Protein backbone atom coordinates (compact mmCIF):
# COMPACT_ATOMS: atom_id res chain seq x y z
CA UNK A 1 138.02 -61.38 -42.33
CA UNK A 2 140.03 -58.57 -43.94
CA UNK A 3 137.25 -56.18 -45.00
CA UNK A 4 139.71 -53.96 -46.85
CA UNK A 5 140.40 -56.78 -49.33
CA UNK A 6 136.67 -57.44 -49.64
CA UNK A 7 136.18 -53.82 -50.67
CA UNK A 8 139.01 -54.09 -53.22
CA UNK A 9 137.57 -57.31 -54.65
CA UNK A 10 134.07 -55.85 -54.96
CA UNK A 11 135.45 -52.79 -56.73
CA UNK A 12 137.43 -54.91 -59.18
CA UNK A 13 134.43 -57.15 -59.84
CA UNK A 14 132.43 -54.05 -60.73
CA UNK A 15 135.13 -52.99 -63.21
CA UNK A 16 135.33 -56.42 -64.78
CA UNK A 17 131.52 -56.52 -65.10
CA UNK A 18 131.68 -53.13 -66.80
CA UNK A 19 134.33 -54.50 -69.17
CA UNK A 20 132.13 -57.50 -69.98
CA UNK A 21 129.15 -55.34 -70.93
CA UNK A 22 131.16 -53.05 -73.24
CA UNK A 23 133.19 -55.96 -74.61
CA UNK A 24 129.96 -57.80 -75.39
CA UNK A 25 128.53 -54.73 -77.14
CA UNK A 26 131.74 -54.43 -79.20
CA UNK A 27 131.40 -58.06 -80.25
CA UNK A 28 127.76 -57.53 -81.29
CA UNK A 29 128.80 -54.86 -83.79
CA UNK A 30 131.63 -57.00 -85.19
CA UNK A 31 134.59 -55.53 -83.27
CA UNK A 32 137.12 -57.35 -81.08
CA UNK A 33 135.98 -57.30 -77.42
CA UNK A 34 139.22 -55.62 -76.35
CA UNK A 35 137.97 -52.41 -78.00
CA UNK A 36 135.16 -52.52 -75.45
CA UNK A 37 137.67 -53.16 -72.66
CA UNK A 38 139.65 -50.03 -73.58
CA UNK A 39 136.44 -47.99 -73.75
CA UNK A 40 135.43 -49.41 -70.35
CA UNK A 41 138.75 -48.20 -68.90
CA UNK A 42 138.20 -44.71 -70.32
CA UNK A 43 134.64 -44.63 -68.98
CA UNK A 44 135.68 -45.76 -65.50
CA UNK A 45 138.48 -43.20 -65.50
CA UNK A 46 135.97 -40.48 -66.42
CA UNK A 47 133.75 -41.57 -63.51
CA UNK A 48 136.66 -41.20 -61.10
CA UNK A 49 137.60 -44.85 -60.53
CA UNK A 50 141.21 -45.87 -60.01
CA UNK A 51 142.93 -49.15 -60.81
CA UNK A 52 142.79 -51.68 -57.95
CA UNK A 53 145.29 -54.26 -56.73
CA UNK A 54 143.51 -57.20 -58.38
CA UNK A 55 143.26 -55.36 -61.69
CA UNK A 56 146.98 -54.63 -61.70
CA UNK A 57 147.80 -58.26 -60.96
CA UNK A 58 145.58 -59.34 -63.86
CA UNK A 59 147.42 -56.88 -66.13
CA UNK A 60 150.85 -58.22 -65.12
CA UNK A 61 149.72 -61.83 -65.60
CA UNK A 62 148.26 -60.98 -68.99
CA UNK A 63 151.54 -59.57 -70.29
CA UNK A 64 153.50 -62.54 -68.90
CA UNK A 65 151.18 -65.09 -70.54
CA UNK A 66 151.14 -63.09 -73.78
CA UNK A 67 154.92 -63.36 -74.03
CA UNK A 68 154.82 -67.06 -73.11
CA UNK A 69 152.38 -67.78 -75.96
CA UNK A 70 154.55 -65.70 -78.32
CA UNK A 71 157.44 -68.01 -77.40
CA UNK A 72 155.28 -71.06 -78.10
CA UNK A 73 154.59 -69.75 -81.62
CA UNK A 74 158.25 -69.28 -82.52
CA UNK A 75 158.77 -71.40 -85.63
CA UNK A 76 162.33 -70.99 -86.85
CA UNK A 77 161.44 -72.43 -90.28
CA UNK A 78 159.04 -69.54 -90.80
CA UNK A 79 161.16 -66.87 -89.14
CA UNK A 80 164.25 -67.55 -91.28
CA UNK A 81 162.31 -66.97 -94.49
CA UNK A 82 163.35 -63.68 -96.14
CA UNK A 83 159.64 -62.93 -96.59
CA UNK A 84 159.45 -62.73 -92.77
CA UNK A 85 162.68 -61.46 -91.22
CA UNK A 86 163.76 -59.25 -94.12
CA UNK A 87 160.29 -57.75 -94.56
CA UNK A 88 160.01 -57.09 -90.81
CA UNK A 89 163.49 -55.57 -90.52
CA UNK A 90 163.07 -53.35 -93.59
CA UNK A 91 159.57 -52.32 -92.56
CA UNK A 92 160.69 -51.21 -89.08
CA UNK A 93 163.81 -49.55 -90.50
CA UNK A 94 161.64 -47.41 -92.81
CA UNK A 95 158.50 -46.85 -90.71
CA UNK A 96 160.19 -45.82 -87.44
CA UNK A 97 162.26 -42.95 -88.97
CA UNK A 98 159.30 -41.95 -91.18
CA UNK A 99 156.78 -41.80 -88.32
CA UNK A 100 159.42 -40.32 -86.00
CA UNK A 101 160.18 -37.51 -88.44
CA UNK A 102 156.46 -36.77 -88.82
CA UNK A 103 155.97 -36.61 -85.04
CA UNK A 104 159.09 -34.47 -84.57
CA UNK A 105 157.86 -32.15 -87.32
CA UNK A 106 154.59 -31.66 -85.43
CA UNK A 107 156.60 -31.01 -82.26
CA UNK A 108 158.58 -28.28 -84.04
CA UNK A 109 155.27 -26.56 -84.83
CA UNK A 110 154.62 -26.26 -81.09
CA UNK A 111 151.42 -28.30 -81.09
CA UNK A 112 150.08 -29.37 -77.68
CA UNK A 113 151.40 -32.71 -76.37
CA UNK A 114 153.96 -32.83 -79.19
CA UNK A 115 155.90 -29.85 -77.85
CA UNK A 116 157.88 -31.90 -75.31
CA UNK A 117 158.96 -34.50 -77.87
CA UNK A 118 162.57 -34.33 -78.92
CA UNK A 119 163.77 -36.52 -81.81
CA UNK A 120 164.69 -39.42 -79.49
CA UNK A 121 161.25 -39.49 -77.82
CA UNK A 122 159.51 -39.06 -81.20
CA UNK A 123 161.33 -42.17 -82.43
CA UNK A 124 160.23 -44.08 -79.32
CA UNK A 125 156.56 -43.20 -79.96
CA UNK A 126 157.09 -44.18 -83.62
CA UNK A 127 158.56 -47.49 -82.40
CA UNK A 128 155.36 -48.10 -80.39
CA UNK A 129 153.24 -47.33 -83.47
CA UNK A 130 155.25 -49.63 -85.75
CA UNK A 131 153.81 -52.87 -84.28
CA UNK A 132 150.74 -54.77 -85.43
CA UNK A 133 148.48 -56.63 -83.01
CA UNK A 134 149.24 -60.28 -82.26
CA UNK A 135 145.98 -60.65 -80.31
CA UNK A 136 143.84 -59.23 -83.13
CA UNK A 137 145.53 -61.15 -85.96
CA UNK A 138 145.46 -64.51 -84.17
CA UNK A 139 141.77 -64.06 -83.34
CA UNK A 140 140.89 -63.15 -86.93
CA UNK A 141 142.93 -65.98 -88.48
CA UNK A 142 141.48 -68.56 -86.09
CA UNK A 143 137.98 -67.26 -86.76
CA UNK A 144 138.49 -67.77 -90.51
CA UNK A 145 140.43 -71.06 -90.10
CA UNK A 146 143.48 -69.58 -91.86
CA UNK A 147 146.20 -69.99 -89.21
CA UNK A 148 148.09 -72.51 -91.39
CA UNK A 149 147.59 -70.78 -94.72
CA UNK A 150 150.66 -69.20 -96.31
CA UNK A 151 149.46 -65.65 -95.75
CA UNK A 152 148.53 -66.57 -92.16
CA UNK A 153 151.98 -68.04 -91.46
CA UNK A 154 153.70 -65.01 -93.03
CA UNK A 155 151.60 -62.61 -90.91
CA UNK A 156 152.25 -64.56 -87.70
CA UNK A 157 155.98 -64.73 -88.49
CA UNK A 158 156.16 -60.96 -88.94
CA UNK A 159 154.25 -60.44 -85.68
CA UNK A 160 156.61 -62.73 -83.79
CA UNK A 161 159.63 -60.80 -85.13
CA UNK A 162 158.00 -57.54 -84.05
CA UNK A 163 157.19 -59.00 -80.64
CA UNK A 164 160.81 -60.06 -80.20
CA UNK A 165 161.90 -56.48 -80.87
CA UNK A 166 159.44 -55.30 -78.21
CA UNK A 167 160.71 -57.87 -75.73
CA UNK A 168 164.31 -56.74 -76.22
CA UNK A 169 163.16 -53.17 -75.65
CA UNK A 170 161.40 -54.20 -72.43
CA UNK A 171 164.52 -56.02 -71.22
CA UNK A 172 166.78 -53.06 -72.04
CA UNK A 173 164.40 -50.48 -70.55
CA UNK A 174 164.40 -52.10 -67.11
CA UNK A 175 167.88 -50.72 -66.52
CA UNK A 176 168.73 -53.77 -64.43
CA UNK A 177 172.22 -55.21 -64.33
CA UNK A 178 171.97 -59.01 -64.28
CA UNK A 179 173.48 -60.64 -61.21
CA UNK A 180 175.97 -63.48 -61.32
CA UNK A 181 173.04 -65.80 -60.65
CA UNK A 182 171.83 -64.99 -64.17
CA UNK A 183 174.48 -67.39 -65.48
CA UNK A 184 172.53 -70.21 -63.84
CA UNK A 185 169.67 -69.47 -66.25
CA UNK A 186 171.70 -71.08 -69.05
CA UNK A 187 171.04 -74.41 -67.33
CA UNK A 188 167.47 -74.16 -68.63
CA UNK A 189 168.76 -75.17 -72.08
CA UNK A 190 170.00 -78.67 -71.09
CA UNK A 191 166.78 -79.05 -69.04
CA UNK A 192 164.73 -78.74 -72.23
CA UNK A 193 164.25 -82.56 -72.61
CA UNK A 194 162.82 -82.65 -69.09
CA UNK A 195 160.34 -79.86 -69.89
CA UNK A 196 159.31 -81.70 -73.07
CA UNK A 197 158.91 -85.01 -71.23
CA UNK A 198 156.64 -83.41 -68.61
CA UNK A 199 154.61 -81.73 -71.37
CA UNK A 200 154.12 -85.10 -73.06
CA UNK A 201 152.88 -86.67 -69.82
CA UNK A 202 150.45 -83.92 -68.76
CA UNK A 203 147.58 -85.20 -70.91
CA UNK A 204 144.97 -82.90 -72.44
CA UNK A 205 143.02 -81.48 -69.50
CA UNK A 206 143.48 -79.13 -66.60
CA UNK A 207 146.99 -80.48 -65.86
CA UNK A 208 148.17 -79.19 -69.24
CA UNK A 209 146.91 -75.69 -68.44
CA UNK A 210 148.47 -75.79 -64.98
CA UNK A 211 151.80 -76.87 -66.46
CA UNK A 212 151.67 -73.93 -68.86
CA UNK A 213 151.11 -71.55 -65.95
CA UNK A 214 154.02 -73.12 -64.06
CA UNK A 215 156.35 -72.66 -67.03
CA UNK A 216 155.28 -69.08 -67.74
CA UNK A 217 155.16 -67.78 -64.17
CA UNK A 218 158.08 -69.93 -63.00
CA UNK A 219 160.25 -68.75 -65.87
CA UNK A 220 159.35 -65.12 -65.13
CA UNK A 221 160.23 -65.56 -61.45
CA UNK A 222 163.56 -67.25 -62.22
CA UNK A 223 164.64 -64.45 -64.52
CA UNK A 224 163.55 -61.85 -61.98
CA UNK A 225 165.71 -63.53 -59.34
CA UNK A 226 168.63 -63.42 -61.78
CA UNK A 227 168.22 -59.69 -62.27
CA UNK A 228 166.78 -60.07 -65.78
CA UNK A 229 163.39 -58.74 -66.92
CA UNK A 230 160.81 -61.29 -65.78
CA UNK A 231 158.73 -61.16 -68.98
CA UNK A 232 161.78 -62.29 -70.96
CA UNK A 233 161.80 -65.44 -68.82
CA UNK A 234 158.21 -66.27 -69.86
CA UNK A 235 159.20 -65.84 -73.53
CA UNK A 236 162.27 -68.07 -73.18
CA UNK A 237 160.28 -70.84 -71.47
CA UNK A 238 157.83 -70.77 -74.37
CA UNK A 239 160.70 -70.98 -76.88
CA UNK A 240 162.23 -73.98 -75.09
CA UNK A 241 159.14 -76.13 -75.78
CA UNK A 242 157.97 -74.47 -79.01
CA UNK A 243 159.12 -77.40 -81.17
CA UNK A 244 157.26 -80.01 -79.11
CA UNK A 245 154.24 -81.56 -80.93
CA UNK A 246 151.96 -80.48 -78.06
CA UNK A 247 153.09 -76.84 -78.06
CA UNK A 248 150.18 -75.82 -80.32
CA UNK A 249 147.71 -77.58 -78.02
CA UNK A 250 149.26 -75.85 -75.02
CA UNK A 251 149.04 -72.48 -76.78
CA UNK A 252 145.33 -73.04 -77.48
CA UNK A 253 144.74 -74.13 -73.88
CA UNK A 254 146.47 -70.99 -72.57
CA UNK A 255 144.65 -68.68 -75.01
CA UNK A 256 141.58 -68.20 -72.83
CA UNK A 257 143.64 -67.47 -69.72
CA UNK A 258 145.87 -65.03 -71.59
CA UNK A 259 142.87 -63.18 -73.01
CA UNK A 260 141.18 -63.09 -69.59
CA UNK A 261 144.19 -61.60 -67.84
CA UNK A 262 144.78 -59.13 -70.68
CA UNK A 263 141.37 -57.66 -69.82
CA UNK A 264 143.08 -56.23 -66.76
CA UNK A 265 145.82 -54.74 -68.92
CA UNK A 266 143.42 -53.05 -71.35
CA UNK A 267 141.29 -51.74 -68.48
CA UNK A 268 144.34 -50.37 -66.68
CA UNK A 269 145.47 -48.61 -69.89
CA UNK A 270 142.12 -46.88 -70.21
CA UNK A 271 142.29 -45.84 -66.56
CA UNK A 272 145.89 -44.64 -66.70
CA UNK A 273 145.18 -41.16 -67.99
CA UNK A 274 142.38 -38.69 -68.56
CA UNK A 275 140.49 -38.91 -71.85
CA UNK A 276 140.69 -35.38 -73.23
CA UNK A 277 139.47 -33.85 -76.47
CA UNK A 278 143.11 -33.19 -77.36
CA UNK A 279 144.06 -36.87 -76.91
CA UNK A 280 141.02 -37.96 -78.93
CA UNK A 281 141.89 -35.66 -81.85
CA UNK A 282 145.53 -36.81 -81.93
CA UNK A 283 144.41 -40.47 -81.75
CA UNK A 284 142.14 -39.82 -84.73
CA UNK A 285 145.00 -38.19 -86.64
CA UNK A 286 147.27 -41.18 -86.00
CA UNK A 287 144.73 -43.74 -87.24
CA UNK A 288 145.27 -43.17 -91.01
CA UNK A 289 148.99 -43.91 -90.47
CA UNK A 290 148.07 -47.63 -90.44
CA UNK A 291 147.52 -47.41 -94.20
CA UNK A 292 151.10 -46.19 -94.66
CA UNK A 293 152.22 -49.24 -92.68
CA UNK A 294 150.00 -51.46 -94.84
CA UNK A 295 151.19 -50.01 -98.13
CA UNK A 296 154.81 -50.63 -97.17
CA UNK A 297 154.04 -54.20 -96.02
CA UNK A 298 152.36 -54.97 -99.34
CA UNK A 299 155.16 -53.44 -101.39
CA UNK A 300 157.87 -55.33 -99.50
CA UNK A 301 156.06 -58.69 -99.63
CA UNK A 302 155.52 -58.51 -103.37
CA UNK A 303 159.19 -57.53 -103.83
CA UNK A 304 160.11 -60.73 -101.97
CA UNK A 305 158.24 -62.84 -104.58
CA UNK A 306 154.98 -63.44 -102.72
CA UNK A 307 151.90 -63.43 -104.96
CA UNK A 308 149.67 -60.37 -104.93
CA UNK A 309 146.86 -62.21 -103.14
CA UNK A 310 149.12 -63.72 -100.48
CA UNK A 311 150.71 -60.31 -99.87
CA UNK A 312 147.36 -58.52 -99.69
CA UNK A 313 145.74 -60.98 -97.27
CA UNK A 314 148.76 -60.90 -94.96
CA UNK A 315 148.80 -57.10 -95.19
CA UNK A 316 145.09 -56.79 -94.37
CA UNK A 317 145.66 -58.73 -91.16
CA UNK A 318 148.54 -56.41 -90.18
CA UNK A 319 146.58 -53.18 -90.77
CA UNK A 320 146.33 -52.15 -87.11
CA UNK A 321 148.25 -50.95 -84.08
CA UNK A 322 149.35 -53.32 -81.34
CA UNK A 323 148.93 -54.05 -77.64
CA UNK A 324 152.73 -54.26 -77.60
CA UNK A 325 152.76 -50.61 -78.63
CA UNK A 326 150.79 -49.89 -75.47
CA UNK A 327 153.31 -51.90 -73.42
CA UNK A 328 156.20 -49.94 -74.94
CA UNK A 329 154.38 -46.65 -74.30
CA UNK A 330 153.60 -47.73 -70.72
CA UNK A 331 157.33 -48.30 -70.14
CA UNK A 332 158.03 -44.81 -71.50
CA UNK A 333 155.44 -43.27 -69.18
CA UNK A 334 156.65 -45.23 -66.12
CA UNK A 335 160.25 -44.21 -66.84
CA UNK A 336 159.20 -40.57 -67.16
CA UNK A 337 160.35 -40.33 -70.79
CA UNK A 338 156.99 -39.30 -72.30
CA UNK A 339 153.84 -37.68 -70.99
CA UNK A 340 151.21 -40.06 -69.59
CA UNK A 341 148.66 -38.71 -72.04
CA UNK A 342 150.54 -40.44 -74.88
CA UNK A 343 149.38 -43.74 -73.45
CA UNK A 344 145.78 -42.57 -73.85
CA UNK A 345 146.49 -41.33 -77.39
CA UNK A 346 147.96 -44.67 -78.48
CA UNK A 347 145.09 -46.55 -76.79
CA UNK A 348 142.61 -44.45 -78.79
CA UNK A 349 144.53 -45.01 -82.03
CA UNK A 350 144.68 -48.75 -81.25
CA UNK A 351 140.91 -48.94 -80.71
CA UNK A 352 140.18 -47.02 -83.90
CA UNK A 353 142.62 -49.18 -85.88
CA UNK A 354 140.67 -52.28 -84.82
CA UNK A 355 137.44 -50.64 -85.97
CA UNK A 356 139.06 -50.10 -89.39
CA UNK A 357 140.83 -53.46 -89.56
CA UNK A 358 137.93 -55.76 -88.61
CA UNK A 359 135.88 -55.29 -91.81
CA UNK A 360 139.04 -55.23 -93.95
CA UNK A 361 140.16 -58.59 -92.58
CA UNK A 362 136.70 -60.10 -92.98
CA UNK A 363 136.34 -58.90 -96.58
CA UNK A 364 139.95 -59.44 -97.70
CA UNK A 365 139.13 -62.02 -100.40
CA UNK A 366 136.36 -59.87 -101.85
CA UNK A 367 138.63 -56.81 -101.87
CA UNK A 368 141.27 -58.79 -103.72
CA UNK A 369 138.82 -60.23 -106.27
CA UNK A 370 137.15 -56.89 -106.95
CA UNK A 371 140.37 -54.91 -107.47
CA UNK A 372 142.53 -57.78 -108.65
CA UNK A 373 143.91 -55.88 -111.63
CA UNK A 374 145.28 -53.19 -109.31
CA UNK A 375 146.98 -55.65 -106.94
CA UNK A 376 148.44 -57.69 -109.80
CA UNK A 377 150.42 -54.68 -111.03
CA UNK A 378 152.76 -55.11 -108.06
CA UNK A 379 153.19 -58.89 -108.36
CA UNK A 380 156.67 -60.21 -109.14
CA UNK A 381 157.01 -62.57 -112.09
CA UNK A 382 158.95 -65.10 -110.00
CA UNK A 383 157.04 -67.50 -107.74
CA UNK A 384 158.02 -69.16 -104.46
CA UNK A 385 157.76 -72.99 -104.38
CA UNK A 386 154.85 -72.95 -101.89
CA UNK A 387 153.09 -70.03 -103.60
CA UNK A 388 152.64 -71.62 -107.03
CA UNK A 389 149.37 -72.17 -108.85
CA UNK A 390 148.42 -75.83 -109.31
CA UNK A 391 147.43 -78.13 -112.17
CA UNK A 392 144.40 -80.38 -111.59
CA UNK A 393 143.77 -81.49 -115.18
CA UNK A 394 143.97 -85.24 -114.45
CA UNK A 395 141.46 -85.23 -111.57
CA UNK A 396 137.67 -85.58 -111.55
CA UNK A 397 137.03 -85.33 -107.78
CA UNK A 398 138.58 -82.67 -105.54
CA UNK A 399 138.47 -82.81 -101.73
CA UNK A 400 139.27 -79.41 -100.22
CA UNK A 401 140.50 -79.54 -96.63
CA UNK A 402 142.56 -82.61 -95.77
CA UNK A 403 141.95 -82.68 -92.03
CA UNK A 404 140.37 -85.71 -90.36
CA UNK A 405 137.01 -85.38 -92.15
CA UNK A 406 138.54 -84.55 -95.53
CA UNK A 407 141.12 -87.31 -95.24
CA UNK A 408 138.41 -89.87 -94.51
CA UNK A 409 136.39 -88.65 -97.50
CA UNK A 410 139.48 -88.79 -99.70
CA UNK A 411 140.26 -92.41 -98.75
CA UNK A 412 136.66 -93.53 -99.35
CA UNK A 413 136.41 -91.80 -102.72
CA UNK A 414 139.79 -93.13 -103.82
CA UNK A 415 138.68 -96.65 -102.94
CA UNK A 416 135.63 -96.12 -105.17
CA UNK A 417 137.12 -94.05 -108.02
CA UNK A 418 140.87 -94.63 -107.98
CA UNK A 419 143.57 -92.04 -108.63
CA UNK A 420 141.21 -89.47 -110.13
CA UNK A 421 140.64 -88.19 -106.57
CA UNK A 422 142.72 -85.18 -105.53
CA UNK A 423 143.15 -83.67 -102.09
CA UNK A 424 143.90 -79.95 -101.68
CA UNK A 425 144.87 -78.07 -98.51
CA UNK A 426 146.50 -74.71 -97.70
CA UNK A 427 148.63 -76.13 -94.86
CA UNK A 428 151.96 -76.90 -96.53
CA UNK A 429 153.19 -79.11 -93.66
CA UNK A 430 149.97 -81.16 -93.77
CA UNK A 431 150.32 -81.56 -97.54
CA UNK A 432 153.84 -82.94 -97.05
CA UNK A 433 152.54 -85.45 -94.47
CA UNK A 434 149.88 -86.71 -96.90
CA UNK A 435 152.38 -86.95 -99.75
CA UNK A 436 154.69 -89.01 -97.54
CA UNK A 437 151.79 -91.44 -97.01
CA UNK A 438 151.26 -91.85 -100.75
CA UNK A 439 148.20 -89.63 -101.10
CA UNK A 440 147.69 -87.36 -104.09
CA UNK A 441 147.49 -83.98 -102.36
CA UNK A 442 148.36 -80.50 -103.60
CA UNK A 443 148.87 -77.17 -101.87
CA UNK A 444 146.09 -74.71 -102.66
CA UNK A 445 143.47 -72.37 -101.22
CA UNK A 446 139.85 -72.67 -102.47
CA UNK A 447 139.13 -69.06 -101.54
CA UNK A 448 141.96 -67.95 -103.86
CA UNK A 449 140.56 -66.40 -107.04
CA UNK A 450 143.85 -67.11 -108.85
CA UNK A 451 143.56 -70.80 -108.01
CA UNK A 452 140.07 -71.10 -109.50
CA UNK A 453 141.06 -69.11 -112.57
CA UNK A 454 143.83 -71.61 -113.24
CA UNK A 455 141.69 -74.72 -112.99
CA UNK A 456 138.80 -73.07 -114.81
CA UNK A 457 140.73 -73.27 -118.09
CA UNK A 458 141.52 -76.97 -118.32
CA UNK A 459 140.07 -78.86 -115.37
CA UNK A 460 138.05 -82.08 -115.53
CA UNK A 461 136.64 -81.84 -112.01
CA UNK A 462 133.07 -83.10 -111.78
CA UNK A 463 132.68 -83.20 -107.99
CA UNK A 464 133.96 -80.78 -105.35
CA UNK A 465 133.84 -81.88 -101.70
CA UNK A 466 134.37 -79.04 -99.21
CA UNK A 467 135.67 -80.20 -95.84
CA UNK A 468 137.10 -76.84 -94.75
CA UNK A 469 137.54 -75.88 -91.08
CA UNK A 470 134.60 -73.50 -90.69
CA UNK A 471 131.46 -72.08 -92.28
CA UNK A 472 133.09 -68.94 -93.66
CA UNK A 473 135.85 -70.88 -95.43
CA UNK A 474 133.25 -73.13 -97.10
CA UNK A 475 131.15 -70.13 -98.13
CA UNK A 476 134.19 -68.33 -99.59
CA UNK A 477 134.97 -71.41 -101.69
CA UNK A 478 131.34 -71.64 -102.83
CA UNK A 479 131.47 -67.97 -103.79
CA UNK A 480 134.51 -68.61 -105.99
CA UNK A 481 132.85 -71.66 -107.58
CA UNK A 482 129.82 -69.54 -108.37
CA UNK A 483 132.01 -66.86 -109.99
CA UNK A 484 133.59 -69.36 -112.39
CA UNK A 485 130.16 -70.91 -113.12
CA UNK A 486 131.26 -74.35 -111.97
CA UNK A 487 128.77 -76.84 -113.45
CA UNK A 488 129.72 -79.95 -111.46
CA UNK A 489 128.35 -81.25 -108.18
CA UNK A 490 129.28 -79.59 -104.89
CA UNK A 491 129.08 -81.15 -101.42
CA UNK A 492 130.03 -79.41 -98.17
CA UNK A 493 130.37 -80.18 -94.47
CA UNK A 494 128.61 -78.38 -91.63
CA UNK A 495 129.07 -78.53 -87.87
CA UNK A 496 125.82 -76.99 -86.69
CA UNK A 497 122.20 -77.25 -87.93
CA UNK A 498 121.93 -73.55 -88.82
CA UNK A 499 124.94 -73.89 -91.14
CA UNK A 500 123.22 -76.45 -93.35
CA UNK A 501 120.71 -74.02 -94.82
CA UNK A 502 123.32 -71.26 -95.22
CA UNK A 503 125.56 -73.57 -97.25
CA UNK A 504 122.67 -74.70 -99.44
CA UNK A 505 121.75 -71.08 -100.15
CA UNK A 506 125.40 -70.43 -101.07
CA UNK A 507 125.30 -73.16 -103.72
CA UNK A 508 126.10 -76.51 -102.08
CA UNK A 509 124.01 -79.30 -103.61
CA UNK A 510 124.53 -81.61 -100.64
CA UNK A 511 125.44 -80.68 -97.06
CA UNK A 512 126.74 -83.20 -94.55
CA UNK A 513 126.33 -82.36 -90.84
CA UNK A 514 129.40 -84.15 -89.50
CA UNK A 515 128.09 -84.48 -85.94
CA UNK A 516 124.61 -85.71 -86.84
CA UNK A 517 125.76 -87.99 -89.65
CA UNK A 518 128.65 -89.36 -87.60
CA UNK A 519 126.13 -90.71 -85.09
CA UNK A 520 124.07 -92.26 -87.89
CA UNK A 521 127.18 -93.80 -89.44
CA UNK A 522 128.26 -95.19 -86.06
CA UNK A 523 124.87 -96.86 -85.53
CA UNK A 524 124.90 -98.32 -89.06
CA UNK A 525 128.43 -99.65 -88.49
CA UNK A 526 127.36 -101.43 -85.28
CA UNK A 527 124.31 -102.91 -86.98
CA UNK A 528 126.45 -104.12 -89.90
CA UNK A 529 128.76 -105.89 -87.43
CA UNK A 530 125.79 -107.50 -85.70
CA UNK A 531 124.38 -108.73 -89.01
CA UNK A 532 127.78 -110.12 -89.95
């Protein structure tokens, strides 16, 4: 047995255990676990530990899988919207010179750490600070069940555009000249049907995950052999299958692996430099800059005809710094362009930005409702087709959330009550599918104060059925119903026993536990067949 590798493994296990403890503590106080991972890296660095071989491999795998999942999320229909590509391009074109000038101004004052920054290096640090976190935003949107909402799709689209800019920087920074073999990589395009066919046949279990790893790591290796940055290969492989119906399922399957391997990256960042008082102070000074980023995002989105609420919710999610900023900074440190302490500074600013952004993202609807008059001052008079308010005056029953449960409820109620039943969902693509099948479904968000204000004036709704994707979404809708003093009946769905009481306290007259009641309904169905 190679005892040297045993020693390395034991050391890395100790670091990962340390990361788990601090990540768990971060989660307990409502912060993303990766804040704990960064703190763990700083703490281990302070205690004299150095990054091990296993940890570095985890970090490299994490970045590769991150780029692969970014490729899987590339939706050209979203990216070509002016509200995405124009907002992203204008935002970076304004923020990078603005932040760069501020950093260069501090350098001209001779402040420590800034003194070695010329204008070019100041712009590179500003470039690293211009990104928002894909990991953070995806986690928050999935937690709230808002991935397919308009503001969620706009935020993800902007993040993907930013990530593409980072990938091009990574490819250019490698300084590699592609070999002639790189031309062979174009053969991957005609092989796309084969990749899609294999994805279709992999099923839904461990083979699907393994296939994702093969595509990501295989693509990275192929590009490396061709003299092209390996991470770009992982991104391209993700893009090649991004339009396949199972790409979303694959992305979800890979999410846990990507997050696991990124632990190594965040730990290695914390251990890459010494945590000094100087770095901590500069990290603190950079944290308020996220509000400048946010203000510009909000202003640009409203100028591109998005409603005030849609713009604000997307902006709240983007109010942070990014792990891609750390990757860009790491490239700068490795290439000898900037001092290694800048990596620590950006890691500190990133951690603090998450601490600020977490409560903002969780309370975004309340912030909008409370200061609605302020946000409305910036709203354009023109509306986008998928950002319009809706008319429900001819409906008496509204089913919110047209997934499997909501769709089943809609069909049953329509069979009993006819065309007075209305389905409402914030996923525009899902709404189009239901409309194609002859269902009466509108695009809308029950946590949108503007939506409830509209139907409050002239609606005839007597029963609201909430079949939204999670507890928080249902509670937000109940909160809005309470604000407009809705006098009709309200029913809601729950997935776990503890949710039933919470929904009743929030105002639901009837709560349906879909797992418990599904079993009861199944038994009754079998008995009905037997009696027949």
